[in-house]
C-alpha atoms as a PDB file:
ATOM      1  CA  MET A   1     -65.039 154.128  71.270  1.00  0.00           C
ATOM      2  CA  THR A   2     -63.565 153.862  74.719  1.00  0.00           C
ATOM      3  CA  ARG A   3     -62.114 157.013  76.309  1.00  0.00           C
ATOM      4  CA  ARG A   4     -59.207 156.865  78.724  1.00  0.00           C
ATOM      5  CA  GLU A   5     -56.980 159.443  80.323  1.00  0.00           C
ATOM      6  CA  ARG A   6     -53.313 158.674  80.834  1.00  0.00           C
ATOM      7  CA  ALA A   7     -50.795 161.198  82.192  1.00  0.00           C
ATOM      8  CA  GLY A   8     -53.164 164.076  81.438  1.00  0.00           C
ATOM      9  CA  VAL A   9     -53.711 162.974  77.831  1.00  0.00           C
ATOM     10  CA  SER A  10     -57.199 161.983  76.682  1.00  0.00           C
ATOM     11  CA  VAL A  11     -57.123 158.986  74.335  1.00  0.00           C
ATOM     12  CA  ALA A  12     -60.045 157.418  72.463  1.00  0.00           C
ATOM     13  CA  GLN A  13     -59.634 153.798  71.386  1.00  0.00           C
ATOM     14  CA  CYS A  14     -61.827 152.047  68.836  1.00  0.00           C
ATOM     15  CA  THR A  15     -63.164 148.797  70.280  1.00  0.00           C
ATOM     16  CA  SER A  16     -63.198 146.994  66.919  1.00  0.00           C
ATOM     17  CA  CYS A  17     -59.882 147.993  65.274  1.00  0.00           C
ATOM     18  CA  GLU A  18     -58.078 149.077  68.496  1.00  0.00           C
ATOM     19  CA  GLY A  19     -56.924 152.305  66.795  1.00  0.00           C
ATOM     20  CA  LEU A  20     -55.930 155.215  69.039  1.00  0.00           C
ATOM     21  CA  PHE A  21     -57.320 158.693  68.411  1.00  0.00           C
ATOM     22  CA  LEU A  22     -56.027 161.932  69.946  1.00  0.00           C
ATOM     23  CA  ARG A  23     -57.051 165.556  69.735  1.00  0.00           C
ATOM     24  CA  GLY A  24     -54.380 167.965  68.477  1.00  0.00           C
ATOM     25  CA  ILE A  25     -53.782 169.431  71.934  1.00  0.00           C
ATOM     26  CA  ASP A  26     -53.384 165.954  73.430  1.00  0.00           C
ATOM     27  CA  ARG A  27     -50.940 164.975  70.684  1.00  0.00           C
ATOM     28  CA  GLY A  28     -48.864 168.049  71.592  1.00  0.00           C
ATOM     29  CA  ARG A  29     -48.911 167.109  75.287  1.00  0.00           C
ATOM     30  CA  LEU A  30     -47.863 163.574  74.443  1.00  0.00           C
ATOM     31  CA  ILE A  31     -44.930 164.846  72.353  1.00  0.00           C
ATOM     32  CA  GLU A  32     -43.840 167.184  75.185  1.00  0.00           C
ATOM     33  CA  GLN A  33     -43.994 164.364  77.728  1.00  0.00           C
ATOM     34  CA  GLU A  34     -42.056 162.070  75.383  1.00  0.00           C
ATOM     35  CA  ASN A  35     -39.311 164.701  75.005  1.00  0.00           C
ATOM     36  CA  GLU A  36     -39.154 165.238  78.788  1.00  0.00           C
ATOM     37  CA  TRP A  37     -38.964 161.481  79.368  1.00  0.00           C
ATOM     38  CA  HIS A  38     -36.006 161.132  76.986  1.00  0.00           C
ATOM     39  CA  ALA A  39     -34.243 164.153  78.492  1.00  0.00           C
ATOM     40  CA  SER A  40     -34.587 162.766  82.018  1.00  0.00           C
ATOM     41  CA  SER A  41     -33.746 159.143  81.200  1.00  0.00           C
ATOM     42  CA  GLY A  42     -30.228 159.941  79.968  1.00  0.00           C
ATOM     43  CA  PRO A  43     -27.701 157.330  78.973  1.00  0.00           C
ATOM     44  CA  SER A  44     -27.866 154.158  81.037  1.00  0.00           C
ATOM     45  CA  THR A  45     -24.803 152.353  79.728  1.00  0.00           C
ATOM     46  CA  GLN A  46     -21.355 151.918  81.199  1.00  0.00           C
ATOM     47  CA  PRO A  47     -18.266 152.791  79.159  1.00  0.00           C
ATOM     48  CA  LEU A  48     -16.879 149.836  77.226  1.00  0.00           C
ATOM     49  CA  PRO A  49     -13.986 148.116  78.998  1.00  0.00           C
ATOM     50  CA  ARG A  50     -10.606 147.742  77.372  1.00  0.00           C
ATOM     51  CA  ILE A  51     -10.372 144.291  75.812  1.00  0.00           C
ATOM     52  CA  THR A  52      -7.579 142.087  77.151  1.00  0.00           C
ATOM     53  CA  ALA A  53      -6.477 138.532  76.398  1.00  0.00           C
ATOM     54  CA  GLY A  54      -7.687 137.086  79.736  1.00  0.00           C
ATOM     55  CA  MET A  55     -11.241 138.484  79.602  1.00  0.00           C
ATOM     56  CA  THR A  56     -14.299 136.265  80.072  1.00  0.00           C
ATOM     57  CA  ALA A  57     -17.846 136.850  78.861  1.00  0.00           C
ATOM     58  CA  PRO A  58     -19.976 138.973  81.204  1.00  0.00           C
ATOM     59  CA  ALA A  59     -22.853 137.457  83.153  1.00  0.00           C
ATOM     60  CA  ALA A  60     -26.323 137.595  81.590  1.00  0.00           C
ATOM     61  CA  PHE A  61     -28.222 140.821  82.294  1.00  0.00           C
ATOM     62  CA  THR A  62     -30.864 140.257  84.954  1.00  0.00           C
ATOM     63  CA  GLY A  63     -31.785 143.844  85.812  1.00  0.00           C
ATOM     64  CA  PRO A  64     -35.064 145.596  85.036  1.00  0.00           C
ATOM     65  CA  VAL A  65     -35.804 146.311  81.393  1.00  0.00           C
ATOM     66  CA  GLN A  66     -36.038 150.046  80.736  1.00  0.00           C
ATOM     67  CA  ALA A  67     -38.888 151.285  78.563  1.00  0.00           C
ATOM     68  CA  ARG A  68     -37.728 152.586  75.178  1.00  0.00           C
ATOM     69  CA  ALA A  69     -40.122 155.540  75.247  1.00  0.00           C
ATOM     70  CA  PHE A  70     -42.663 157.366  77.382  1.00  0.00           C
ATOM     71  CA  VAL A  71     -45.452 155.882  75.242  1.00  0.00           C
ATOM     72  CA  ASP A  72     -44.235 152.395  76.197  1.00  0.00           C
ATOM     73  CA  GLU A  73     -44.765 153.321  79.845  1.00  0.00           C
ATOM     74  CA  LEU A  74     -48.261 154.628  79.094  1.00  0.00           C
ATOM     75  CA  PHE A  75     -49.558 151.741  77.002  1.00  0.00           C
ATOM     76  CA  GLY A  76     -47.007 148.958  77.605  1.00  0.00           C
END
């Protein structure tokens, strides 16, 4: 087992199966941080434009990819 601490959460990872193990208190902290992350991230989309006959396809998105969850930022 390898122990790591990420964002105040202690995580043990098995070196053979790569499974993650958390204590109950750490699981609670992780859930709280996940909820805070979602609350602060908010919607990041623009309203859909009205479709007209002369519209062209938008340019390909080249901006930074936003993590889907706080856990993605921790272990991604």
